[in-house]
Amino acid sequence: MTIFENYVVYPDGDSQEVGSRLRIDDLVDLNGERLDLPLPTPRMIAYRVVRIRHSEERGLYSVYHYLELVPAAELIGYCR
């Protein structure tokens, strides 16, 4: 039996388990949940997935999604 785990790793090194896998360039909120586009406002904290690492040990398969902070000026392009 294999257990699958997904984590987001924030720029400061903290990590948090999330419920689903993400893709490169996905935008996520503070909790690691995927943001739907277009964004309602550029005045929010959003992260972009920049790297994905897989780790496999006996009975445990972990996926780490590394994030970078998206500046507010760039978020304007994702708004209505």
Protein backbone atom coordinates (compact mmCIF):
# COMPACT_ATOMS: atom_id res chain seq x y z
CA MET A 1 0.00 0.00 0.00
CA THR A 2 1.33 3.44 -0.97
CA ILE A 3 0.33 6.72 0.67
CA PHE A 4 0.38 9.80 -1.58
CA GLU A 5 1.09 13.23 -0.05
CA ASN A 6 1.25 16.68 -1.65
CA TYR A 7 3.02 19.66 -0.08
CA VAL A 8 3.62 23.29 -0.95
CA VAL A 9 6.97 24.78 0.08
CA TYR A 10 6.88 28.55 0.65
CA PRO A 11 9.83 30.85 -0.19
CA ASP A 12 10.83 31.04 3.49
CA GLY A 13 11.16 27.23 3.67
CA ASP A 14 7.94 26.43 5.54
CA SER A 15 5.83 23.63 4.07
CA GLN A 16 2.18 22.68 4.30
CA GLU A 17 0.25 19.65 3.10
CA VAL A 18 -2.36 20.34 0.39
CA GLY A 19 -5.16 18.22 -0.98
CA SER A 20 -4.29 18.13 -4.67
CA ARG A 21 -1.35 18.17 -7.05
CA LEU A 22 -0.41 21.41 -8.76
CA ARG A 23 1.29 22.22 -12.05
CA ILE A 24 4.14 24.57 -12.93
CA ASP A 25 2.90 28.21 -13.20
CA ASP A 26 -0.30 27.54 -11.22
CA LEU A 27 -1.26 30.45 -8.96
CA VAL A 28 -2.16 29.55 -5.38
CA ASP A 29 -3.31 31.46 -2.31
CA LEU A 30 -1.81 31.49 1.18
CA ASN A 31 -3.27 28.05 1.92
CA GLY A 32 -1.87 26.44 -1.22
CA GLU A 33 -5.26 26.25 -2.96
CA ARG A 34 -5.34 26.91 -6.70
CA LEU A 35 -6.70 30.35 -7.67
CA ASP A 36 -9.29 30.65 -10.42
CA LEU A 37 -8.59 33.15 -13.19
CA PRO A 38 -9.42 35.95 -13.68
CA LEU A 39 -8.59 37.15 -10.19
CA PRO A 40 -11.15 39.45 -8.54
CA THR A 41 -8.49 41.94 -7.41
CA PRO A 42 -4.70 42.38 -7.58
CA ARG A 43 -4.69 43.20 -3.84
CA MET A 44 -4.05 39.68 -2.62
CA ILE A 45 -1.12 37.47 -1.69
CA ALA A 46 -0.51 34.90 -4.40
CA TYR A 47 2.26 32.42 -5.11
CA ARG A 48 3.35 30.69 -8.33
CA VAL A 49 4.55 27.09 -8.54
CA VAL A 50 8.10 27.22 -9.93
CA ARG A 51 9.46 23.75 -9.21
CA ILE A 52 8.13 20.29 -8.41
CA ARG A 53 10.10 17.55 -6.66
CA HIS A 54 9.01 13.95 -6.17
CA SER A 55 10.20 11.82 -3.28
CA GLU A 56 9.53 8.12 -2.91
CA GLU A 57 10.23 6.02 0.15
CA ARG A 58 8.86 2.69 1.25
CA GLY A 59 5.07 3.09 1.20
CA LEU A 60 5.17 6.90 0.89
CA TYR A 61 5.14 9.00 -2.30
CA SER A 62 5.50 12.75 -1.66
CA VAL A 63 5.26 15.61 -4.15
CA TYR A 64 6.74 18.99 -3.15
CA HIS A 65 5.56 22.11 -5.01
CA TYR A 66 7.99 25.02 -4.53
CA LEU A 67 6.44 28.49 -4.60
CA GLU A 68 7.55 32.04 -5.32
CA LEU A 69 5.69 35.21 -4.35
CA VAL A 70 3.99 36.97 -7.26
CA PRO A 71 4.35 40.79 -7.09
CA ALA A 72 1.18 42.91 -7.14
CA ALA A 73 2.22 44.60 -10.39
CA GLU A 74 2.18 41.21 -12.11
CA LEU A 75 -1.16 40.21 -10.57
CA ILE A 76 -2.85 43.11 -12.40
CA GLY A 77 -2.43 41.13 -15.62
CA TYR A 78 -4.46 38.24 -14.15
CA CYS A 79 -7.43 40.44 -13.16
CA ARG A 80 -10.67 41.24 -15.00
